[in-house]
Protein backbone atom coordinates (compact mmCIF):
# COMPACT_ATOMS: atom_id res chain seq x y z
CA MET A 1 3.86 -20.53 -35.47
CA LYS A 2 1.63 -18.08 -33.55
CA MET A 3 -1.55 -19.41 -32.03
CA LYS A 4 -4.78 -17.44 -31.93
CA LYS A 5 -7.03 -20.05 -30.38
CA ASN A 6 -9.94 -18.75 -28.22
CA ILE A 7 -10.08 -20.15 -24.70
CA ILE A 8 -13.31 -20.29 -22.68
CA PHE A 9 -12.16 -21.78 -19.37
CA ILE A 10 -9.97 -20.81 -16.43
CA PHE A 11 -6.86 -22.78 -15.60
CA PHE A 12 -5.17 -22.52 -12.21
CA GLY A 13 -1.39 -22.87 -12.15
CA PHE A 14 0.64 -23.07 -8.93
CA TYR A 15 4.13 -21.76 -9.56
CA SER A 16 6.33 -23.10 -6.81
CA SER A 17 9.60 -21.69 -8.11
CA PHE A 18 8.75 -18.34 -9.68
CA ILE A 19 7.18 -15.14 -8.42
CA CYS A 20 5.66 -12.12 -10.08
CA SER A 21 7.74 -8.97 -9.95
CA GLN A 22 7.57 -7.60 -6.41
CA ASP A 23 9.20 -4.21 -6.08
CA ILE A 24 9.76 -1.35 -3.64
CA ALA A 25 6.21 -0.08 -4.19
CA ASP A 26 4.82 -3.39 -2.92
CA ALA A 27 7.09 -3.32 0.12
CA LEU A 28 6.12 0.26 1.04
CA ARG A 29 2.42 -0.38 0.53
CA TYR A 30 2.36 -2.73 3.52
CA SER A 31 4.93 -0.82 5.58
CA GLN A 32 3.21 2.58 5.80
CA ASP A 33 0.20 3.52 7.92
CA ASN A 34 -2.43 6.13 7.26
CA LEU A 35 -4.05 8.35 9.92
CA LEU A 36 -7.14 6.34 10.77
CA GLY A 37 -8.62 5.17 14.09
CA THR A 38 -11.19 6.88 16.31
CA ALA A 39 -12.43 10.39 15.54
CA ARG A 40 -10.79 11.86 18.65
CA PHE A 41 -7.48 10.19 17.80
CA SER A 42 -7.64 11.45 14.20
CA ALA A 43 -8.67 14.97 15.19
CA MET A 44 -5.44 15.32 17.16
CA SER A 45 -3.43 13.81 14.28
CA GLY A 46 -2.68 10.70 16.32
CA ALA A 47 -0.53 12.51 18.90
CA PHE A 48 -1.47 10.24 21.79
CA GLY A 49 1.81 8.61 22.80
CA ALA A 50 1.86 10.27 26.25
CA LEU A 51 -1.89 10.67 26.74
CA GLY A 52 -3.71 7.37 26.42
CA GLY A 53 -7.37 7.10 27.31
CA ASP A 54 -8.45 6.40 23.73
CA LEU A 55 -8.78 2.99 22.09
CA SER A 56 -6.65 4.03 19.12
CA SER A 57 -3.92 5.35 21.41
CA ILE A 58 -2.70 1.79 22.05
CA ASN A 59 -1.48 1.70 18.45
CA VAL A 60 0.99 4.44 19.37
CA ASN A 61 1.79 3.44 22.97
CA PRO A 62 0.28 0.29 24.52
CA ALA A 63 0.55 1.83 28.00
CA GLY A 64 -2.22 4.25 27.05
CA SER A 65 -5.00 1.83 27.95
CA ALA A 66 -4.01 2.03 31.64
CA PHE A 67 -5.46 5.59 31.73
CA PHE A 68 -9.04 4.40 31.25
CA LEU A 69 -11.15 4.81 34.38
CA ASN A 70 -14.08 2.65 33.27
CA ASN A 71 -14.94 -0.07 30.78
CA GLN A 72 -15.46 1.39 27.35
CA THR A 73 -16.33 0.38 23.80
CA SER A 74 -16.27 2.39 20.59
CA LEU A 75 -17.21 2.09 16.94
CA THR A 76 -15.85 4.29 14.14
CA THR A 77 -16.98 4.80 10.58
CA SER A 78 -15.12 6.83 7.96
CA SER A 79 -15.73 8.36 4.57
CA TYR A 80 -12.58 8.53 2.41
CA GLY A 81 -12.11 10.90 -0.48
CA VAL A 82 -8.97 10.89 -2.62
CA LYS A 83 -8.20 13.38 -5.37
CA ASN A 84 -5.26 12.55 -7.65
CA LYS A 85 -3.84 15.13 -10.03
CA SER A 86 -1.57 13.57 -12.65
CA ASN A 87 1.03 15.23 -14.86
CA TYR A 88 2.37 12.98 -17.64
CA PHE A 89 4.68 14.74 -20.11
CA GLY A 90 2.81 18.00 -19.53
CA ASN A 91 -0.71 16.62 -19.83
CA ARG A 92 -2.81 16.96 -16.69
CA ASP A 93 -5.60 14.66 -15.50
CA LEU A 94 -7.79 14.59 -12.44
CA GLU A 95 -9.35 11.49 -10.88
CA ASN A 96 -11.54 11.36 -7.75
CA SER A 97 -12.57 8.36 -5.70
CA THR A 98 -14.68 7.95 -2.58
CA SER A 99 -15.42 5.07 -0.25
CA ALA A 100 -16.84 4.41 3.20
CA ASP A 101 -16.00 1.82 5.81
CA ILE A 102 -16.24 0.81 9.45
CA ASN A 103 -12.57 1.19 10.26
CA GLN A 104 -12.42 0.73 14.05
CA PHE A 105 -14.20 -1.15 16.78
CA GLY A 106 -12.98 -2.33 20.15
CA ALA A 107 -13.45 -2.50 23.89
CA VAL A 108 -11.35 -2.00 27.02
CA PHE A 109 -11.97 -3.65 30.37
CA VAL A 110 -10.61 -2.02 33.51
CA ILE A 111 -9.89 -4.05 36.66
CA LYS A 112 -9.16 -2.06 39.79
CA ASN A 113 -6.86 -3.67 42.30
CA THR A 114 -8.60 -4.02 45.66
CA ASP A 115 -5.39 -4.96 47.43
CA LYS A 116 -4.47 -1.71 49.18
CA SER A 117 -0.96 -2.95 49.94
CA SER A 118 -0.10 -3.38 46.26
CA ASP A 119 1.66 -0.67 44.27
CA TRP A 120 -0.35 -1.69 41.19
CA SER A 121 -3.62 0.24 41.33
CA LYS A 122 -5.35 -1.12 38.23
CA PHE A 123 -5.01 -3.20 35.09
CA SER A 124 -6.67 -2.95 31.70
CA PHE A 125 -7.24 -5.43 28.90
CA THR A 126 -8.16 -4.29 25.42
CA LEU A 127 -9.26 -5.86 22.19
CA ASN A 128 -9.23 -3.41 19.30
CA TYR A 129 -9.45 -3.68 15.51
CA GLU A 130 -8.44 -0.90 13.11
CA ASN A 131 -7.76 -0.41 9.46
CA THR A 132 -4.22 0.95 9.40
CA ASN A 133 -4.50 1.72 5.69
CA ASN A 134 -7.29 2.06 3.16
CA PHE A 135 -6.30 1.10 -0.40
CA ASP A 136 -9.43 2.36 -2.21
CA ASN A 137 -8.00 4.67 -4.85
CA THR A 138 -8.05 5.52 -8.55
CA VAL A 139 -5.25 7.11 -10.58
CA PHE A 140 -5.49 8.05 -14.27
CA SER A 141 -2.62 9.40 -16.35
CA SER A 142 -2.50 10.22 -20.05
CA GLY A 143 -0.20 12.03 -22.42
CA ILE A 144 2.15 11.78 -25.37
CA ASN A 145 5.40 9.99 -24.63
CA PRO A 146 8.03 11.50 -26.93
CA THR A 147 10.39 8.49 -26.90
CA ASN A 148 9.29 5.25 -25.27
CA SER A 149 6.65 2.70 -26.16
CA ILE A 150 5.33 -0.27 -24.20
CA GLY A 151 7.10 -2.43 -26.76
CA GLU A 152 10.25 -1.86 -24.68
CA TYR A 153 8.62 -3.69 -21.76
CA PHE A 154 7.95 -6.86 -23.74
CA LYS A 155 11.27 -6.65 -25.55
CA TYR A 156 13.12 -6.43 -22.23
CA TYR A 157 11.69 -9.75 -21.06
CA ALA A 158 12.03 -11.41 -24.47
CA ASN A 159 15.75 -10.67 -24.54
CA ARG A 160 16.30 -12.21 -21.12
CA ASN A 161 13.78 -15.05 -21.14
CA ASN A 162 16.00 -17.71 -19.60
CA GLY A 163 16.94 -19.23 -22.94
CA VAL A 164 13.37 -20.00 -24.02
CA SER A 165 12.98 -19.50 -27.75
CA LEU A 166 9.55 -18.07 -28.52
CA LEU A 167 10.05 -19.31 -32.08
CA ASN A 168 9.99 -22.91 -30.93
CA LEU A 169 7.01 -22.81 -28.60
CA GLN A 170 5.05 -25.11 -30.90
CA THR A 171 7.50 -27.89 -29.95
CA GLN A 172 6.43 -27.69 -26.29
CA PRO A 173 3.95 -30.32 -25.09
CA ARG A 174 1.03 -27.84 -25.11
CA GLU A 175 -1.30 -26.68 -27.87
CA SER A 176 -3.38 -23.71 -26.73
CA ILE A 177 -2.43 -20.22 -25.60
CA THR A 178 -3.75 -21.08 -22.16
CA ASP A 179 -1.59 -24.19 -21.93
CA LEU A 180 1.52 -22.44 -23.24
CA TYR A 181 1.13 -19.44 -20.95
CA ASP A 182 0.65 -21.73 -17.96
CA TYR A 183 3.53 -24.00 -19.01
CA LEU A 184 5.92 -21.04 -19.32
CA GLY A 185 4.92 -19.66 -15.93
CA SER A 186 5.31 -23.02 -14.22
CA ASN A 187 8.71 -23.75 -15.77
CA TYR A 188 10.31 -20.38 -16.62
CA GLY A 189 8.51 -17.72 -14.62
CA PHE A 190 6.78 -14.37 -14.88
CA GLY A 191 9.25 -12.72 -17.26
CA THR A 192 8.90 -15.38 -19.93
CA GLN A 193 5.12 -15.07 -19.73
CA GLN A 194 5.44 -11.35 -20.49
CA ALA A 195 7.60 -12.06 -23.51
CA PHE A 196 5.07 -14.64 -24.66
CA LEU A 197 2.18 -12.14 -24.46
CA GLY A 198 4.13 -9.59 -26.49
CA TYR A 199 5.04 -12.19 -29.09
CA GLN A 200 1.50 -13.51 -29.45
CA ALA A 201 0.11 -9.97 -29.83
CA TYR A 202 2.66 -9.17 -32.59
CA ILE A 203 4.30 -6.47 -30.45
CA ILE A 204 7.74 -8.12 -30.64
CA ASP A 205 9.37 -10.41 -33.19
CA PRO A 206 12.80 -12.00 -33.73
CA ALA A 207 15.44 -9.64 -35.07
CA ALA A 208 16.55 -10.13 -38.67
CA ASN A 209 19.91 -11.44 -37.43
CA TYR A 210 18.27 -13.50 -34.67
CA ASN A 211 20.79 -15.52 -32.71
CA GLU A 212 19.92 -17.55 -29.62
CA SER A 213 23.19 -16.55 -27.94
CA SER A 214 22.81 -12.87 -28.81
CA ASN A 215 21.92 -10.28 -26.19
CA ARG A 216 19.41 -8.70 -28.57
CA LYS A 217 17.26 -11.49 -29.94
CA TYR A 218 13.96 -9.62 -30.33
CA ILE A 219 12.83 -6.23 -31.64
CA SER A 220 9.67 -4.20 -31.13
CA LEU A 221 7.16 -4.01 -34.01
CA ILE A 222 5.71 -0.77 -32.71
CA PRO A 223 6.56 2.05 -35.17
CA THR A 224 9.60 4.09 -34.25
CA GLY A 225 9.67 7.85 -34.11
CA GLY A 226 8.18 8.54 -30.69
CA ASN A 227 5.10 10.59 -29.84
CA TYR A 228 3.12 7.65 -28.50
CA TYR A 229 -0.22 8.54 -26.95
CA GLN A 230 -0.56 6.56 -23.72
CA GLU A 231 -3.13 6.11 -20.96
CA ASN A 232 -2.61 4.32 -17.67
CA TYR A 233 -5.57 3.61 -15.41
CA VAL A 234 -5.01 2.08 -11.96
CA ARG A 235 -7.83 1.17 -9.61
CA THR A 236 -7.06 -0.32 -6.21
CA ASN A 237 -9.29 -1.67 -3.45
CA GLY A 238 -8.76 -3.21 -0.06
CA TYR A 239 -7.32 -2.53 3.35
CA ASN A 240 -4.54 -3.29 5.79
CA GLY A 241 -6.10 -4.31 9.10
CA LYS A 242 -4.72 -4.73 12.62
CA LEU A 243 -6.24 -6.64 15.53
CA SER A 244 -4.54 -5.80 18.83
CA PHE A 245 -4.62 -7.73 22.10
CA ASN A 246 -3.50 -5.30 24.79
CA ALA A 247 -2.66 -5.48 28.48
CA ALA A 248 -1.52 -2.56 30.61
CA GLY A 249 -1.09 -1.59 34.23
CA GLN A 250 -0.77 1.49 36.46
CA TYR A 251 2.04 1.52 39.00
CA LYS A 252 2.05 3.97 41.98
CA ASP A 253 -0.08 6.46 40.01
CA LYS A 254 3.09 7.62 38.23
CA PHE A 255 4.09 4.90 35.81
CA TYR A 256 2.08 3.08 33.16
CA PHE A 257 3.24 0.03 31.23
CA GLY A 258 1.64 -1.85 28.36
CA ALA A 259 2.13 -4.42 25.64
CA ASN A 260 0.31 -5.43 22.45
CA ILE A 261 0.28 -8.59 20.41
CA ASN A 262 -0.97 -7.69 16.95
CA THR A 263 -2.27 -9.83 14.13
CA GLN A 264 -2.39 -8.00 10.82
CA PHE A 265 -4.22 -8.60 7.57
CA ILE A 266 -3.73 -7.63 3.93
CA ASP A 267 -6.57 -7.63 1.40
CA TYR A 268 -5.52 -5.82 -1.78
CA THR A 269 -6.69 -5.80 -5.39
CA GLN A 270 -5.11 -3.77 -8.18
CA ASN A 271 -6.56 -3.47 -11.67
CA THR A 272 -4.40 -1.74 -14.27
CA SER A 273 -5.23 -0.91 -17.86
CA PHE A 274 -2.56 0.52 -20.16
CA TYR A 275 -3.52 1.86 -23.60
CA GLU A 276 -1.21 3.04 -26.37
CA ASN A 277 -2.09 4.57 -29.71
CA ASN A 278 0.56 4.84 -32.44
CA SER A 279 -1.70 5.62 -35.42
CA ASN A 280 -0.05 9.00 -35.92
CA ASN A 281 3.23 7.28 -36.72
CA LEU A 282 4.00 5.06 -39.70
CA VAL A 283 1.26 3.29 -41.63
CA SER A 284 2.46 -0.26 -40.88
CA GLY A 285 3.06 -2.00 -37.55
CA ILE A 286 1.15 -1.91 -34.29
CA GLN A 287 -1.41 0.92 -34.33
CA ARG A 288 -2.88 0.56 -30.85
CA LEU A 289 -2.98 -1.89 -27.97
CA GLN A 290 -4.42 -2.41 -24.52
CA PHE A 291 -2.71 -4.37 -21.73
CA GLU A 292 -4.80 -5.50 -18.74
CA ASN A 293 -3.59 -6.85 -15.40
CA GLU A 294 -5.39 -7.81 -12.20
CA LEU A 295 -3.33 -8.50 -9.08
CA THR A 296 -4.92 -9.85 -5.89
CA THR A 297 -2.92 -10.04 -2.68
CA PHE A 298 -3.78 -11.60 0.65
CA GLY A 299 -1.53 -11.72 3.69
CA ASN A 300 -1.33 -12.32 7.41
CA GLY A 301 1.26 -11.02 9.81
CA ILE A 302 2.21 -10.71 13.44
CA SER A 303 3.94 -7.99 15.46
CA PHE A 304 4.25 -6.74 19.01
CA GLN A 305 4.46 -3.38 20.77
CA LEU A 306 5.87 -2.27 24.13
CA GLY A 307 5.31 1.06 25.80
CA ALA A 308 5.68 3.10 28.98
CA ILE A 309 4.33 6.45 30.16
CA ALA A 310 5.53 8.44 33.17
CA LYS A 311 3.88 11.34 34.97
CA LEU A 312 6.59 13.87 35.81
CA ASN A 313 4.01 15.94 37.69
CA LYS A 314 0.31 16.69 37.45
CA GLN A 315 0.73 18.50 34.16
CA VAL A 316 3.55 16.80 32.25
CA ARG A 317 3.78 13.25 30.90
CA ILE A 318 6.41 11.56 28.78
CA GLY A 319 6.11 8.34 26.82
CA LEU A 320 8.30 5.90 24.95
CA ALA A 321 7.09 3.07 22.71
CA TYR A 322 8.55 0.48 20.38
CA GLU A 323 6.70 -1.25 17.56
CA SER A 324 8.38 -4.35 16.18
CA PRO A 325 8.58 -5.23 12.49
CA THR A 326 5.56 -7.05 11.13
CA TRP A 327 6.38 -10.47 9.79
CA TYR A 328 3.99 -11.17 6.91
CA GLU A 329 3.28 -14.20 4.80
CA ILE A 330 1.77 -13.00 1.53
CA SER A 331 0.14 -14.71 -1.45
CA ASP A 332 -0.41 -13.19 -4.90
CA LYS A 333 -2.70 -14.04 -7.78
CA LEU A 334 -2.31 -12.47 -11.22
CA SER A 335 -4.35 -12.57 -14.41
CA GLN A 336 -3.41 -10.83 -17.68
CA GLY A 337 -4.69 -10.14 -21.15
CA ILE A 338 -3.67 -8.05 -24.13
CA SER A 339 -5.23 -6.94 -27.41
CA SER A 340 -3.62 -5.20 -30.37
CA VAL A 341 -4.43 -3.81 -33.82
CA SER A 342 -1.81 -3.78 -36.58
CA ALA A 343 -1.81 -2.22 -40.03
CA ASN A 344 -0.06 -2.69 -43.34
CA ALA A 345 -0.15 -0.85 -46.67
CA THR A 346 -3.75 -1.97 -47.29
CA GLY A 347 -5.09 -0.74 -43.93
CA GLU A 348 -5.87 -2.10 -40.50
CA LEU A 349 -5.81 -5.82 -39.80
CA PRO A 350 -8.32 -7.63 -37.55
CA ILE A 351 -7.87 -7.16 -33.81
CA VAL A 352 -5.70 -9.74 -32.04
CA ARG A 353 -6.80 -10.73 -28.55
CA VAL A 354 -4.48 -12.74 -26.33
CA ASN A 355 -6.39 -13.73 -23.22
CA PRO A 356 -4.87 -16.81 -21.61
CA MET A 357 -7.72 -17.04 -19.04
CA VAL A 358 -5.15 -18.20 -16.50
CA ILE A 359 -5.00 -17.18 -12.87
CA ASN A 360 -1.37 -17.40 -11.79
CA VAL A 361 -1.27 -18.52 -8.16
CA TYR A 362 2.19 -17.88 -6.74
CA GLU A 363 3.98 -19.51 -3.89
CA PRO A 364 3.58 -17.55 -0.62
CA TYR A 365 6.51 -15.35 0.29
CA GLN A 366 7.56 -13.44 3.39
CA LEU A 367 7.89 -9.71 3.98
CA ARG A 368 9.39 -8.01 7.03
CA THR A 369 8.40 -4.37 7.54
CA PRO A 370 10.54 -1.93 9.57
CA GLY A 371 10.15 -1.39 13.30
CA LYS A 372 9.35 2.02 14.80
CA TRP A 373 10.33 4.04 17.89
CA THR A 374 8.07 6.81 19.24
CA GLY A 375 8.88 9.39 21.89
CA SER A 376 6.04 11.52 23.29
CA LEU A 377 5.42 14.56 25.45
CA GLY A 378 2.05 15.61 26.85
CA TYR A 379 0.92 18.65 28.81
CA ILE A 380 -2.38 18.60 30.73
CA TYR A 381 -3.94 21.93 31.73
CA LYS A 382 -6.29 21.25 34.64
CA LYS A 383 -9.37 19.49 33.28
CA SER A 384 -9.96 21.79 30.32
CA GLY A 385 -7.10 21.37 27.89
CA LEU A 386 -4.14 19.34 26.72
CA LEU A 387 -1.33 19.47 24.20
CA SER A 388 0.64 16.49 22.92
CA ILE A 389 3.64 15.89 20.66
CA ASP A 390 4.80 12.57 19.19
CA TYR A 391 8.01 12.02 17.27
CA SER A 392 8.65 8.69 15.51
CA ILE A 393 11.49 7.23 13.49
CA LYS A 394 11.37 4.27 11.11
CA ASP A 395 14.19 2.88 8.97
CA TYR A 396 12.64 1.71 5.71
CA SER A 397 15.92 0.25 4.49
CA ASN A 398 15.24 -2.61 6.93
CA ILE A 399 12.34 -3.85 4.79
CA GLU A 400 13.16 -7.28 3.46
CA PHE A 401 11.44 -9.83 1.30
CA SER A 402 12.22 -13.52 1.72
CA THR A 403 15.97 -14.10 1.68
CA LYS A 404 15.69 -16.53 -1.22
CA SER A 405 17.67 -15.67 -4.34
CA ASP A 406 14.41 -14.65 -6.06
CA PHE A 407 14.36 -11.44 -3.97
CA ARG A 408 18.05 -10.60 -3.98
CA GLU A 409 17.70 -7.82 -6.54
CA VAL A 410 14.73 -6.05 -4.94
CA ASN A 411 16.23 -6.35 -1.44
CA TYR A 412 19.42 -4.75 -2.73
CA GLU A 413 17.35 -1.94 -4.27
CA ILE A 414 15.52 -1.39 -0.97
CA LYS A 415 18.82 -1.08 0.91
CA ASN A 416 20.13 1.49 -1.55
CA LYS A 417 17.04 3.63 -2.18
CA LEU A 418 15.19 3.71 1.15
CA GLY A 419 16.34 5.15 4.45
CA MET A 420 15.39 6.60 7.82
CA ALA A 421 12.14 8.60 7.92
CA SER A 422 10.77 10.63 10.80
CA GLU A 423 7.21 11.63 11.64
CA LEU A 424 6.01 14.53 13.78
CA ARG A 425 2.47 14.67 15.20
CA ILE A 426 1.04 17.55 17.24
CA GLY A 427 -2.43 17.57 18.73
CA GLY A 428 -4.49 19.64 21.13
CA GLU A 429 -7.87 19.56 22.83
CA TYR A 430 -9.90 22.16 24.74
CA ARG A 431 -13.03 21.32 26.70
CA ILE A 432 -15.98 23.63 27.33
CA LYS A 433 -18.31 21.72 29.65
CA ALA A 434 -19.61 18.78 27.55
CA VAL A 435 -18.03 19.99 24.30
CA SER A 436 -14.47 19.20 23.23
CA LEU A 437 -12.69 21.10 20.45
CA ARG A 438 -9.66 19.47 18.82
CA ALA A 439 -7.03 20.10 16.18
CA GLY A 440 -3.84 18.47 14.95
CA TYR A 441 -0.93 18.65 12.54
CA ARG A 442 1.41 15.97 11.22
CA SER A 443 4.45 15.81 8.98
CA GLU A 444 6.01 12.62 7.65
CA LYS A 445 9.31 12.43 5.79
CA SER A 446 9.75 10.46 2.59
CA PRO A 447 10.98 6.87 2.94
CA TYR A 448 13.17 7.45 -0.14
CA THR A 449 16.60 8.96 0.27
CA ASN A 450 16.02 11.04 -2.90
CA GLN A 451 12.70 12.38 -1.48
CA SER A 452 11.27 12.70 -5.01
CA THR A 453 9.99 9.21 -5.83
CA ILE A 454 7.72 9.75 -2.82
CA GLY A 455 7.65 13.21 -1.29
CA ASN A 456 7.04 14.37 2.25
CA LEU A 457 3.53 14.19 3.67
CA LYS A 458 1.76 17.14 5.29
CA GLY A 459 -1.58 16.94 7.02
CA TYR A 460 -3.90 18.65 9.45
CA SER A 461 -7.11 17.77 11.20
CA SER A 462 -9.87 19.25 13.31
CA GLY A 463 -12.93 17.99 15.10
CA PHE A 464 -15.25 18.17 18.04
CA GLY A 465 -16.95 15.86 20.49
CA TYR A 466 -19.95 15.93 22.79
CA ASN A 467 -20.21 14.00 26.05
CA PHE A 468 -23.76 12.92 26.92
CA GLY A 469 -22.57 11.22 30.09
CA GLY A 470 -22.06 7.54 29.43
CA THR A 471 -22.14 8.11 25.67
CA LYS A 472 -19.89 10.27 23.51
CA ILE A 473 -20.00 11.23 19.86
CA ASP A 474 -16.96 12.60 18.02
CA ILE A 475 -16.70 13.97 14.49
CA THR A 476 -13.44 14.76 12.68
CA TYR A 477 -12.21 16.12 9.38
CA SER A 478 -8.68 15.24 8.32
CA HIS A 479 -6.70 16.39 5.30
CA SER A 480 -3.34 15.27 3.95
CA GLN A 481 -1.40 15.51 0.72
CA ARG A 482 1.70 14.01 -0.79
CA ASN A 483 3.46 14.06 -4.17
CA TYR A 484 4.88 10.92 -5.72
CA GLN A 485 5.96 9.42 -9.02
CA LYS A 486 3.78 6.68 -10.52
CA GLN A 487 5.88 4.38 -12.69
CA PHE A 488 3.82 2.46 -15.27
CA PHE A 489 6.21 -0.51 -15.57
CA ASN A 490 9.24 -1.67 -13.62
CA VAL A 491 11.40 -2.45 -16.64
CA GLY A 492 11.66 -1.49 -20.28
CA MET A 493 9.34 1.51 -20.45
CA THR A 494 10.05 3.02 -17.03
CA ASP A 495 8.53 6.47 -17.58
CA TYR A 496 6.33 7.84 -14.82
CA SER A 497 3.66 10.41 -14.14
CA ASN A 498 3.91 12.95 -11.32
CA ILE A 499 0.99 12.60 -8.92
CA ASN A 500 -0.31 15.07 -6.39
CA SER A 501 -2.53 13.05 -4.06
CA VAL A 502 -4.93 14.78 -1.66
CA MET A 503 -6.96 12.83 0.91
CA ASN A 504 -9.96 14.22 2.78
CA ASN A 505 -11.62 12.06 5.44
CA ILE A 506 -14.73 12.45 7.56
CA ILE A 507 -14.62 10.26 10.68
CA ILE A 508 -17.42 9.62 13.18
CA SER A 509 -17.07 7.66 16.42
CA MET A 510 -19.56 6.53 19.04
CA THR A 511 -18.20 5.65 22.48
CA PHE A 512 -20.07 3.95 25.31
CA GLU A 513 -19.00 3.46 28.91
CA PHE A 514 -20.29 0.44 30.81
């Protein structure tokens, strides 16, 4: 018996044994950094591993803070613009989004050693906060899918729903859709909830030869024949933040050493809306439907960094830095709802809305991101110019969710689909009295071994700064683009749109010496 009872309250369920479907996309989201930080740092594409002297440089090489001559503080604000071009089965869409944020603030304190007999000439201590990634983005894809319907998604879960018969749900000790949805999540997990939503919205039904022991218990009620018009709208908000506690020292005016302890933060919200229209197919069955999901993620993590810089002579510097994995503890919340319209020989039937009004609160889980090595080379030309190159490597196959059996499948997929990725950053600066002109280039390889799920990233930047004496202002423009495949669902209907994503940022920093 299907229940269509309206619910007007919110029920919180804590699911201690079951998680929602984390996948590679979730792992990469919190393992990749964007080019943010101060305007000077961004203008040179972050190539500061052998230079130092900028608050954001400690995120590349912690030894960089030992190059400061005086106490300094800075504040950075950024305007983000993202343009996403989507291609879904030949249909093209364009979606733009903009946002603004204060993405960096920090201070460095320099202590000069007055002991003339010591080989350590000075020490520096830094506290700096930065957004390492901005998640504000909107992607829209639409087109006619020639073969697959969303019914395959619900059917997938219904046919592997841990032995729960959707036919017999009325025998469970719950009476409303809210109670049943919560009961299934608490006792059988995310997948069974998906099957339940599809069943309640008349998207799936038992097969004519239904057998509890059969591998194909349920069928889709969406008309066959293909040519399904589909829309997928994804809006994300939030940030990945990093608070660094840094200490560094200068030894014999030739060697610089530093270390960071980092605390990191995740604040992420994703709203997805999937629409499908089948009215051009057969008269009976599901005509159209809309499936809504809202995922909220919060997390905290810790990592450390070690770095060293050496002056080979007055012009040339080399640097080496290591960034450890970040060990996160993450919590997810998920809410869902679906509506559908069916038809028979007499016409359309009333709309069916299945809105459990439940916020699924999942047990916290752990995520370990990959570590990173960075080698750097810098060339200083008198007091008027400099050129710097950074080269980093990161093995994304080392990403790992909690080692519990719940994550065995996705961890196996990470090991087999992700691999070593390198990043090249080149930056330069030329000074004309109080004016500094800057430019940079960066290239980042795909974390996927196939290099098509996510493509390589290319970016460039330019900017200028003006030194008023104890105050500096810097302005930067940065541009980057990357192609990737946006999969609508992880299972069942696994079709994807091809996205060309272009990011344009304007970054302004104010720096004060004291």
